[in-house]
């Protein structure tokens, strides 16, 4: 199974991308720091739809397995944390990387 990481997974477009990839059978690892740039409640609501329950209570750099999609894991982390990012990439050996921030 191909593994894909999606940075900003709780954002509007990235959330839609995660759902689409999961529906197509990919293993998806979502990363998001859920900052307050815009309504964190929306981000947590989207994550809940992906099976990540109580994401607002996750500690930074903590991972949670989806209760809805067996192939979705969520890391509450910032992509600027090089140590966590390296650990995630080493663990999953992704075939694709998507980041909407250019």
PDB file of N, CA and C in Angstrom:
ATOM      1  N   UNK A   1       0.839  -1.174   0.000  1.00  0.00           N
ATOM      2  CA  UNK A   1       0.000   0.000   0.000  1.00  0.00           C
ATOM      3  C   UNK A   1       0.884   1.238   0.000  1.00  0.00           C
ATOM      4  N   UNK A   2       0.573   2.194  -0.877  1.00  0.00           N
ATOM      5  CA  UNK A   2       1.344   3.417  -0.957  1.00  0.00           C
ATOM      6  C   UNK A   2       1.003   4.343   0.206  1.00  0.00           C
ATOM      7  N   UNK A   3       2.033   4.928   0.767  1.00  0.00           N
ATOM      8  CA  UNK A   3       1.879   5.822   1.917  1.00  0.00           C
ATOM      9  C   UNK A   3       2.134   7.256   1.469  1.00  0.00           C
ATOM     10  N   UNK A   4       1.219   8.130   1.883  1.00  0.00           N
ATOM     11  CA  UNK A   4       1.302   9.527   1.490  1.00  0.00           C
ATOM     12  C   UNK A   4       1.187  10.396   2.737  1.00  0.00           C
ATOM     13  N   UNK A   5       2.015  11.434   2.819  1.00  0.00           N
ATOM     14  CA  UNK A   5       1.912  12.392   3.908  1.00  0.00           C
ATOM     15  C   UNK A   5       1.264  13.659   3.360  1.00  0.00           C
ATOM     16  N   UNK A   6       0.327  14.202   4.129  1.00  0.00           N
ATOM     17  CA  UNK A   6      -0.347  15.441   3.756  1.00  0.00           C
ATOM     18  C   UNK A   6      -0.121  16.455   4.872  1.00  0.00           C
ATOM     19  N   UNK A   7       0.637  17.502   4.564  1.00  0.00           N
ATOM     20  CA  UNK A   7       0.878  18.569   5.532  1.00  0.00           C
ATOM     21  C   UNK A   7      -0.306  19.525   5.520  1.00  0.00           C
ATOM     22  N   UNK A   8      -0.698  19.973   6.684  1.00  0.00           N
ATOM     23  CA  UNK A   8      -1.858  20.857   6.796  1.00  0.00           C
ATOM     24  C   UNK A   8      -3.155  20.087   6.634  1.00  0.00           C
ATOM     25  N   UNK A   9      -3.180  18.850   7.111  1.00  0.00           N
ATOM     26  CA  UNK A   9      -4.281  17.914   6.858  1.00  0.00           C
ATOM     27  C   UNK A   9      -5.643  18.398   7.326  1.00  0.00           C
ATOM     28  N   UNK A  10      -5.692  19.349   8.246  1.00  0.00           N
ATOM     29  CA  UNK A  10      -6.977  19.850   8.740  1.00  0.00           C
ATOM     30  C   UNK A  10      -7.478  21.058   7.954  1.00  0.00           C
ATOM     31  N   UNK A  11      -6.703  21.503   6.986  1.00  0.00           N
ATOM     32  CA  UNK A  11      -7.141  22.604   6.133  1.00  0.00           C
ATOM     33  C   UNK A  11      -8.225  22.135   5.174  1.00  0.00           C
ATOM     34  N   UNK A  12      -8.946  23.068   4.586  1.00  0.00           N
ATOM     35  CA  UNK A  12     -10.087  22.717   3.743  1.00  0.00           C
ATOM     36  C   UNK A  12      -9.694  21.816   2.571  1.00  0.00           C
ATOM     37  N   UNK A  13      -8.734  22.232   1.782  1.00  0.00           N
ATOM     38  CA  UNK A  13      -8.325  21.452   0.607  1.00  0.00           C
ATOM     39  C   UNK A  13      -7.641  20.160   1.031  1.00  0.00           C
ATOM     40  N   UNK A  14      -6.759  20.250   2.020  1.00  0.00           N
ATOM     41  CA  UNK A  14      -6.017  19.059   2.452  1.00  0.00           C
ATOM     42  C   UNK A  14      -6.934  18.016   3.076  1.00  0.00           C
ATOM     43  N   UNK A  15      -7.935  18.467   3.789  1.00  0.00           N
ATOM     44  CA  UNK A  15      -8.930  17.550   4.361  1.00  0.00           C
ATOM     45  C   UNK A  15      -9.646  16.790   3.242  1.00  0.00           C
ATOM     46  N   UNK A  16     -10.052  17.518   2.210  1.00  0.00           N
ATOM     47  CA  UNK A  16     -10.711  16.885   1.061  1.00  0.00           C
ATOM     48  C   UNK A  16      -9.766  15.895   0.375  1.00  0.00           C
ATOM     49  N   UNK A  17      -8.492  16.278   0.283  1.00  0.00           N
ATOM     50  CA  UNK A  17      -7.494  15.402  -0.319  1.00  0.00           C
ATOM     51  C   UNK A  17      -7.327  14.130   0.508  1.00  0.00           C
ATOM     52  N   UNK A  18      -7.250  14.264   1.830  1.00  0.00           N
ATOM     53  CA  UNK A  18      -7.128  13.092   2.706  1.00  0.00           C
ATOM     54  C   UNK A  18      -8.303  12.143   2.490  1.00  0.00           C
ATOM     55  N   UNK A  19      -9.517  12.681   2.482  1.00  0.00           N
ATOM     56  CA  UNK A  19     -10.701  11.846   2.276  1.00  0.00           C
ATOM     57  C   UNK A  19     -10.632  11.116   0.943  1.00  0.00           C
ATOM     58  N   UNK A  20     -10.270  11.823  -0.098  1.00  0.00           N
ATOM     59  CA  UNK A  20     -10.189  11.223  -1.432  1.00  0.00           C
ATOM     60  C   UNK A  20      -9.135  10.113  -1.482  1.00  0.00           C
ATOM     61  N   UNK A  21      -7.979  10.369  -0.906  1.00  0.00           N
ATOM     62  CA  UNK A  21      -6.910   9.365  -0.906  1.00  0.00           C
ATOM     63  C   UNK A  21      -7.311   8.135  -0.095  1.00  0.00           C
ATOM     64  N   UNK A  22      -7.944   8.355   1.041  1.00  0.00           N
ATOM     65  CA  UNK A  22      -8.393   7.232   1.872  1.00  0.00           C
ATOM     66  C   UNK A  22      -9.450   6.412   1.144  1.00  0.00           C
ATOM     67  N   UNK A  23     -10.355   7.083   0.463  1.00  0.00           N
ATOM     68  CA  UNK A  23     -11.382   6.381  -0.309  1.00  0.00           C
ATOM     69  C   UNK A  23     -10.782   5.566  -1.443  1.00  0.00           C
ATOM     70  N   UNK A  24      -9.609   5.974  -1.914  1.00  0.00           N
ATOM     71  CA  UNK A  24      -8.929   5.262  -2.998  1.00  0.00           C
ATOM     72  C   UNK A  24      -7.961   4.202  -2.489  1.00  0.00           C
ATOM     73  N   UNK A  25      -7.892   4.036  -1.157  1.00  0.00           N
ATOM     74  CA  UNK A  25      -7.109   2.942  -0.596  1.00  0.00           C
ATOM     75  C   UNK A  25      -5.685   3.267  -0.201  1.00  0.00           C
ATOM     76  N   UNK A  26      -5.321   4.526  -0.174  1.00  0.00           N
ATOM     77  CA  UNK A  26      -3.977   4.900   0.236  1.00  0.00           C
ATOM     78  C   UNK A  26      -3.868   4.926   1.762  1.00  0.00           C
ATOM     79  N   UNK A  27      -2.655   4.753   2.251  1.00  0.00           N
ATOM     80  CA  UNK A  27      -2.346   4.964   3.665  1.00  0.00           C
ATOM     81  C   UNK A  27      -1.931   6.422   3.775  1.00  0.00           C
ATOM     82  N   UNK A  28      -2.653   7.189   4.591  1.00  0.00           N
ATOM     83  CA  UNK A  28      -2.405   8.628   4.690  1.00  0.00           C
ATOM     84  C   UNK A  28      -1.964   8.983   6.104  1.00  0.00           C
ATOM     85  N   UNK A  29      -0.899   9.772   6.178  1.00  0.00           N
ATOM     86  CA  UNK A  29      -0.445  10.331   7.436  1.00  0.00           C
ATOM     87  C   UNK A  29      -0.633  11.841   7.329  1.00  0.00           C
ATOM     88  N   UNK A  30      -1.493  12.379   8.183  1.00  0.00           N
ATOM     89  CA  UNK A  30      -1.755  13.806   8.170  1.00  0.00           C
ATOM     90  C   UNK A  30      -0.951  14.515   9.235  1.00  0.00           C
ATOM     91  N   UNK A  31      -0.413  15.658   8.867  1.00  0.00           N
ATOM     92  CA  UNK A  31       0.321  16.512   9.799  1.00  0.00           C
ATOM     93  C   UNK A  31      -0.381  17.862   9.858  1.00  0.00           C
ATOM     94  N   UNK A  32      -0.557  18.393  11.027  1.00  0.00           N
ATOM     95  CA  UNK A  32      -1.104  19.743  11.168  1.00  0.00           C
ATOM     96  C   UNK A  32      -0.842  20.207  12.592  1.00  0.00           C
ATOM     97  N   UNK A  33      -0.479  21.465  12.748  1.00  0.00           N
ATOM     98  CA  UNK A  33      -0.283  21.992  14.092  1.00  0.00           C
ATOM     99  C   UNK A  33      -1.564  22.603  14.642  1.00  0.00           C
ATOM    100  N   UNK A  34      -2.607  22.683  13.800  1.00  0.00           N
ATOM    101  CA  UNK A  34      -3.926  23.199  14.202  1.00  0.00           C
ATOM    102  C   UNK A  34      -3.810  24.567  14.858  1.00  0.00           C
ATOM    103  N   UNK A  35      -2.994  25.425  14.259  1.00  0.00           N
ATOM    104  CA  UNK A  35      -2.827  26.763  14.826  1.00  0.00           C
ATOM    105  C   UNK A  35      -4.108  27.573  14.686  1.00  0.00           C
ATOM    106  N   UNK A  36      -4.084  28.769  15.230  1.00  0.00           N
ATOM    107  CA  UNK A  36      -5.287  29.593  15.224  1.00  0.00           C
ATOM    108  C   UNK A  36      -5.279  30.643  14.111  1.00  0.00           C
ATOM    109  N   UNK A  37      -4.587  30.350  13.010  1.00  0.00           N
ATOM    110  CA  UNK A  37      -4.591  31.269  11.872  1.00  0.00           C
ATOM    111  C   UNK A  37      -6.024  31.525  11.410  1.00  0.00           C
ATOM    112  N   UNK A  38      -6.817  30.476  11.415  1.00  0.00           N
ATOM    113  CA  UNK A  38      -8.262  30.631  11.234  1.00  0.00           C
ATOM    114  C   UNK A  38      -8.952  29.555  12.040  1.00  0.00           C
ATOM    115  N   UNK A  39     -10.083  29.799  12.546  1.00  0.00           N
ATOM    116  CA  UNK A  39     -10.970  28.947  13.328  1.00  0.00           C
ATOM    117  C   UNK A  39     -10.491  27.509  13.571  1.00  0.00           C
ATOM    118  N   UNK A  40      -9.773  27.292  14.667  1.00  0.00           N
ATOM    119  CA  UNK A  40      -9.336  25.940  15.004  1.00  0.00           C
ATOM    120  C   UNK A  40     -10.512  24.969  15.133  1.00  0.00           C
ATOM    121  N   UNK A  41     -11.683  25.477  15.515  1.00  0.00           N
ATOM    122  CA  UNK A  41     -12.860  24.607  15.646  1.00  0.00           C
ATOM    123  C   UNK A  41     -13.178  23.920  14.319  1.00  0.00           C
ATOM    124  N   UNK A  42     -12.999  24.641  13.204  1.00  0.00           N
ATOM    125  CA  UNK A  42     -13.226  24.029  11.886  1.00  0.00           C
ATOM    126  C   UNK A  42     -12.223  22.909  11.633  1.00  0.00           C
ATOM    127  N   UNK A  43     -10.981  23.154  11.996  1.00  0.00           N
ATOM    128  CA  UNK A  43      -9.941  22.146  11.798  1.00  0.00           C
ATOM    129  C   UNK A  43     -10.246  20.893  12.612  1.00  0.00           C
ATOM    130  N   UNK A  44     -10.622  21.082  13.869  1.00  0.00           N
ATOM    131  CA  UNK A  44     -10.918  19.937  14.721  1.00  0.00           C
ATOM    132  C   UNK A  44     -12.165  19.193  14.236  1.00  0.00           C
ATOM    133  N   UNK A  45     -13.117  19.920  13.693  1.00  0.00           N
ATOM    134  CA  UNK A  45     -14.318  19.298  13.142  1.00  0.00           C
ATOM    135  C   UNK A  45     -13.969  18.421  11.933  1.00  0.00           C
ATOM    136  N   UNK A  46     -13.111  18.922  11.075  1.00  0.00           N
ATOM    137  CA  UNK A  46     -12.683  18.137   9.905  1.00  0.00           C
ATOM    138  C   UNK A  46     -11.933  16.886  10.344  1.00  0.00           C
ATOM    139  N   UNK A  47     -11.053  17.050  11.323  1.00  0.00           N
ATOM    140  CA  UNK A  47     -10.311  15.890  11.825  1.00  0.00           C
ATOM    141  C   UNK A  47     -11.255  14.859  12.429  1.00  0.00           C
ATOM    142  N   UNK A  48     -12.272  15.325  13.122  1.00  0.00           N
ATOM    143  CA  UNK A  48     -13.241  14.395  13.700  1.00  0.00           C
ATOM    144  C   UNK A  48     -13.947  13.601  12.599  1.00  0.00           C
ATOM    145  N   UNK A  49     -14.237  14.246  11.476  1.00  0.00           N
ATOM    146  CA  UNK A  49     -14.845  13.540  10.349  1.00  0.00           C
ATOM    147  C   UNK A  49     -13.906  12.489   9.771  1.00  0.00           C
ATOM    148  N   UNK A  50     -12.613  12.675   9.979  1.00  0.00           N
ATOM    149  CA  UNK A  50     -11.631  11.688   9.546  1.00  0.00           C
ATOM    150  C   UNK A  50     -11.348  10.646  10.632  1.00  0.00           C
ATOM    151  N   UNK A  51     -12.064  10.742  11.742  1.00  0.00           N
ATOM    152  CA  UNK A  51     -11.913   9.754  12.806  1.00  0.00           C
ATOM    153  C   UNK A  51     -10.882  10.098  13.858  1.00  0.00           C
ATOM    154  N   UNK A  52     -10.433  11.346  13.865  1.00  0.00           N
ATOM    155  CA  UNK A  52      -9.480  11.785  14.880  1.00  0.00           C
ATOM    156  C   UNK A  52     -10.288  12.505  15.959  1.00  0.00           C
ATOM    157  N   UNK A  53     -10.555  11.815  17.029  1.00  0.00           N
ATOM    158  CA  UNK A  53     -11.414  12.331  18.075  1.00  0.00           C
ATOM    159  C   UNK A  53     -10.615  13.129  19.106  1.00  0.00           C
ATOM    160  N   UNK A  54     -11.186  14.217  19.552  1.00  0.00           N
ATOM    161  CA  UNK A  54     -10.573  15.060  20.591  1.00  0.00           C
ATOM    162  C   UNK A  54      -9.171  15.536  20.219  1.00  0.00           C
ATOM    163  N   UNK A  55      -8.977  15.890  18.962  1.00  0.00           N
ATOM    164  CA  UNK A  55      -7.653  16.340  18.500  1.00  0.00           C
ATOM    165  C   UNK A  55      -7.179  17.578  19.235  1.00  0.00           C
ATOM    166  N   UNK A  56      -8.136  18.377  19.732  1.00  0.00           N
ATOM    167  CA  UNK A  56      -7.737  19.586  20.448  1.00  0.00           C
ATOM    168  C   UNK A  56      -7.008  19.260  21.751  1.00  0.00           C
ATOM    169  N   UNK A  57      -7.134  18.031  22.226  1.00  0.00           N
ATOM    170  CA  UNK A  57      -6.468  17.616  23.456  1.00  0.00           C
ATOM    171  C   UNK A  57      -5.150  16.881  23.207  1.00  0.00           C
ATOM    172  N   UNK A  58      -4.819  16.673  21.944  1.00  0.00           N
ATOM    173  CA  UNK A  58      -3.536  16.038  21.639  1.00  0.00           C
ATOM    174  C   UNK A  58      -2.408  16.997  21.988  1.00  0.00           C
ATOM    175  N   UNK A  59      -1.345  16.449  22.517  1.00  0.00           N
ATOM    176  CA  UNK A  59      -0.163  17.252  22.793  1.00  0.00           C
ATOM    177  C   UNK A  59       0.600  17.440  21.481  1.00  0.00           C
ATOM    178  N   UNK A  60       1.426  18.457  21.444  1.00  0.00           N
ATOM    179  CA  UNK A  60       2.249  18.696  20.272  1.00  0.00           C
ATOM    180  C   UNK A  60       3.148  17.479  20.036  1.00  0.00           C
ATOM    181  N   UNK A  61       3.264  17.092  18.790  1.00  0.00           N
ATOM    182  CA  UNK A  61       4.074  15.948  18.346  1.00  0.00           C
ATOM    183  C   UNK A  61       3.494  14.605  18.784  1.00  0.00           C
ATOM    184  N   UNK A  62       2.226  14.579  19.091  1.00  0.00           N
ATOM    185  CA  UNK A  62       1.554  13.339  19.448  1.00  0.00           C
ATOM    186  C   UNK A  62       0.810  12.812  18.226  1.00  0.00           C
ATOM    187  N   UNK A  63       0.712  11.495  18.113  1.00  0.00           N
ATOM    188  CA  UNK A  63       0.031  10.860  16.979  1.00  0.00           C
ATOM    189  C   UNK A  63      -1.235  10.176  17.466  1.00  0.00           C
ATOM    190  N   UNK A  64      -2.233  10.143  16.594  1.00  0.00           N
ATOM    191  CA  UNK A  64      -3.477   9.439  16.911  1.00  0.00           C
ATOM    192  C   UNK A  64      -3.943   8.668  15.681  1.00  0.00           C
ATOM    193  N   UNK A  65      -4.359   7.447  15.905  1.00  0.00           N
ATOM    194  CA  UNK A  65      -4.922   6.588  14.859  1.00  0.00           C
ATOM    195  C   UNK A  65      -6.398   6.928  14.678  1.00  0.00           C
ATOM    196  N   UNK A  66      -6.841   6.968  13.438  1.00  0.00           N
ATOM    197  CA  UNK A  66      -8.247   7.250  13.139  1.00  0.00           C
ATOM    198  C   UNK A  66      -9.137   6.109  13.618  1.00  0.00           C
ATOM    199  N   UNK A  67     -10.305   6.467  14.135  1.00  0.00           N
ATOM    200  CA  UNK A  67     -11.296   5.461  14.513  1.00  0.00           C
ATOM    201  C   UNK A  67     -12.203   5.121  13.341  1.00  0.00           C
ATOM    202  N   UNK A  68     -12.096   5.882  12.268  1.00  0.00           N
ATOM    203  CA  UNK A  68     -12.965   5.701  11.098  1.00  0.00           C
ATOM    204  C   UNK A  68     -12.234   5.063   9.922  1.00  0.00           C
ATOM    205  N   UNK A  69     -10.990   5.431   9.719  1.00  0.00           N
ATOM    206  CA  UNK A  69     -10.175   4.919   8.619  1.00  0.00           C
ATOM    207  C   UNK A  69      -8.947   4.219   9.192  1.00  0.00           C
ATOM    208  N   UNK A  70      -8.827   2.945   8.958  1.00  0.00           N
ATOM    209  CA  UNK A  70      -7.682   2.196   9.480  1.00  0.00           C
ATOM    210  C   UNK A  70      -6.363   2.681   8.891  1.00  0.00           C
ATOM    211  N   UNK A  71      -6.436   3.306   7.731  1.00  0.00           N
ATOM    212  CA  UNK A  71      -5.222   3.740   7.042  1.00  0.00           C
ATOM    213  C   UNK A  71      -4.936   5.229   7.215  1.00  0.00           C
ATOM    214  N   UNK A  72      -5.454   5.825   8.281  1.00  0.00           N
ATOM    215  CA  UNK A  72      -5.190   7.247   8.530  1.00  0.00           C
ATOM    216  C   UNK A  72      -4.646   7.450   9.927  1.00  0.00           C
ATOM    217  N   UNK A  73      -3.520   8.153   9.981  1.00  0.00           N
ATOM    218  CA  UNK A  73      -2.913   8.536  11.248  1.00  0.00           C
ATOM    219  C   UNK A  73      -2.677  10.035  11.211  1.00  0.00           C
ATOM    220  N   UNK A  74      -2.840  10.661  12.356  1.00  0.00           N
ATOM    221  CA  UNK A  74      -2.692  12.111  12.438  1.00  0.00           C
ATOM    222  C   UNK A  74      -1.625  12.479  13.451  1.00  0.00           C
ATOM    223  N   UNK A  75      -0.683  13.322  13.014  1.00  0.00           N
ATOM    224  CA  UNK A  75       0.348  13.873  13.892  1.00  0.00           C
ATOM    225  C   UNK A  75       0.033  15.334  14.127  1.00  0.00           C
ATOM    226  N   UNK A  76      -0.165  15.709  15.377  1.00  0.00           N
ATOM    227  CA  UNK A  76      -0.339  17.125  15.698  1.00  0.00           C
ATOM    228  C   UNK A  76       1.053  17.700  15.845  1.00  0.00           C
ATOM    229  N   UNK A  77       1.551  18.210  14.749  1.00  0.00           N
ATOM    230  CA  UNK A  77       2.919  18.689  14.720  1.00  0.00           C
ATOM    231  C   UNK A  77       3.069  19.745  13.638  1.00  0.00           C
ATOM    232  N   UNK A  78       4.092  20.523  13.773  1.00  0.00           N
ATOM    233  CA  UNK A  78       4.416  21.558  12.811  1.00  0.00           C
ATOM    234  C   UNK A  78       5.497  21.022  11.874  1.00  0.00           C
ATOM    235  N   UNK A  79       5.365  21.314  10.584  1.00  0.00           N
ATOM    236  CA  UNK A  79       6.357  20.799   9.637  1.00  0.00           C
ATOM    237  C   UNK A  79       7.717  21.465   9.804  1.00  0.00           C
ATOM    238  N   UNK A  80       7.793  22.500  10.615  1.00  0.00           N
ATOM    239  CA  UNK A  80       9.093  23.113  10.874  1.00  0.00           C
ATOM    240  C   UNK A  80       9.866  22.362  11.957  1.00  0.00           C
ATOM    241  N   UNK A  81       9.231  21.382  12.622  1.00  0.00           N
ATOM    242  CA  UNK A  81       9.924  20.563  13.620  1.00  0.00           C
ATOM    243  C   UNK A  81      10.688  19.472  12.863  1.00  0.00           C
ATOM    244  N   UNK A  82      11.934  19.759  12.569  1.00  0.00           N
ATOM    245  CA  UNK A  82      12.744  18.862  11.739  1.00  0.00           C
ATOM    246  C   UNK A  82      12.937  17.475  12.351  1.00  0.00           C
ATOM    247  N   UNK A  83      13.057  17.394  13.658  1.00  0.00           N
ATOM    248  CA  UNK A  83      13.260  16.098  14.310  1.00  0.00           C
ATOM    249  C   UNK A  83      12.040  15.206  14.110  1.00  0.00           C
ATOM    250  N   UNK A  84      10.841  15.726  14.389  1.00  0.00           N
ATOM    251  CA  UNK A  84       9.620  14.930  14.213  1.00  0.00           C
ATOM    252  C   UNK A  84       9.416  14.595  12.748  1.00  0.00           C
ATOM    253  N   UNK A  85       9.636  15.561  11.875  1.00  0.00           N
ATOM    254  CA  UNK A  85       9.463  15.332  10.447  1.00  0.00           C
ATOM    255  C   UNK A  85      10.376  14.205   9.966  1.00  0.00           C
ATOM    256  N   UNK A  86      11.627  14.211  10.428  1.00  0.00           N
ATOM    257  CA  UNK A  86      12.565  13.158  10.038  1.00  0.00           C
ATOM    258  C   UNK A  86      12.111  11.801  10.571  1.00  0.00           C
ATOM    259  N   UNK A  87      11.636  11.768  11.820  1.00  0.00           N
ATOM    260  CA  UNK A  87      11.142  10.514  12.396  1.00  0.00           C
ATOM    261  C   UNK A  87       9.945   9.978  11.609  1.00  0.00           C
ATOM    262  N   UNK A  88       9.037  10.869  11.230  1.00  0.00           N
ATOM    263  CA  UNK A  88       7.851  10.465  10.463  1.00  0.00           C
ATOM    264  C   UNK A  88       8.270   9.915   9.099  1.00  0.00           C
ATOM    265  N   UNK A  89       9.172  10.617   8.413  1.00  0.00           N
ATOM    266  CA  UNK A  89       9.608  10.154   7.097  1.00  0.00           C
ATOM    267  C   UNK A  89      10.383   8.844   7.191  1.00  0.00           C
ATOM    268  N   UNK A  90      11.213   8.698   8.215  1.00  0.00           N
ATOM    269  CA  UNK A  90      11.949   7.449   8.400  1.00  0.00           C
ATOM    270  C   UNK A  90      11.008   6.279   8.683  1.00  0.00           C
ATOM    271  N   UNK A  91       9.986   6.524   9.481  1.00  0.00           N
ATOM    272  CA  UNK A  91       9.046   5.462   9.862  1.00  0.00           C
ATOM    273  C   UNK A  91       8.196   4.991   8.690  1.00  0.00           C
ATOM    274  N   UNK A  92       7.689   5.914   7.877  1.00  0.00           N
ATOM    275  CA  UNK A  92       6.692   5.560   6.871  1.00  0.00           C
ATOM    276  C   UNK A  92       7.232   5.390   5.453  1.00  0.00           C
ATOM    277  N   UNK A  93       8.367   5.945   5.157  1.00  0.00           N
ATOM    278  CA  UNK A  93       8.949   5.812   3.812  1.00  0.00           C
ATOM    279  C   UNK A  93       7.916   6.152   2.729  1.00  0.00           C
ATOM    280  N   UNK A  94       7.496   7.404   2.696  1.00  0.00           N
ATOM    281  CA  UNK A  94       6.440   7.865   1.804  1.00  0.00           C
ATOM    282  C   UNK A  94       6.825   7.787   0.337  1.00  0.00           C
ATOM    283  N   UNK A  95       5.810   7.578  -0.490  1.00  0.00           N
ATOM    284  CA  UNK A  95       6.023   7.633  -1.934  1.00  0.00           C
ATOM    285  C   UNK A  95       5.625   8.998  -2.482  1.00  0.00           C
ATOM    286  N   UNK A  96       4.780   9.719  -1.747  1.00  0.00           N
ATOM    287  CA  UNK A  96       4.350  11.058  -2.147  1.00  0.00           C
ATOM    288  C   UNK A  96       4.368  11.974  -0.932  1.00  0.00           C
ATOM    289  N   UNK A  97       4.551  13.244  -1.215  1.00  0.00           N
ATOM    290  CA  UNK A  97       4.484  14.261  -0.169  1.00  0.00           C
ATOM    291  C   UNK A  97       3.695  15.422  -0.736  1.00  0.00           C
ATOM    292  N   UNK A  98       2.643  15.835  -0.041  1.00  0.00           N
ATOM    293  CA  UNK A  98       1.831  16.957  -0.486  1.00  0.00           C
ATOM    294  C   UNK A  98       1.859  18.039   0.570  1.00  0.00           C
ATOM    295  N   UNK A  99       2.165  19.245   0.134  1.00  0.00           N
ATOM    296  CA  UNK A  99       2.147  20.394   1.025  1.00  0.00           C
ATOM    297  C   UNK A  99       1.607  21.568   0.227  1.00  0.00           C
ATOM    298  N   UNK A 100       0.481  22.110   0.640  1.00  0.00           N
ATOM    299  CA  UNK A 100      -0.145  23.220  -0.087  1.00  0.00           C
ATOM    300  C   UNK A 100       0.639  24.514   0.071  1.00  0.00           C
ATOM    301  N   UNK A 101       1.474  24.616   1.089  1.00  0.00           N
ATOM    302  CA  UNK A 101       2.243  25.824   1.309  1.00  0.00           C
ATOM    303  C   UNK A 101       3.436  25.805   0.361  1.00  0.00           C
ATOM    304  N   UNK A 102       3.526  26.804  -0.449  1.00  0.00           N
ATOM    305  CA  UNK A 102       4.627  26.860  -1.433  1.00  0.00           C
ATOM    306  C   UNK A 102       5.606  27.937  -1.056  1.00  0.00           C
TER     307      UNK A 102
END
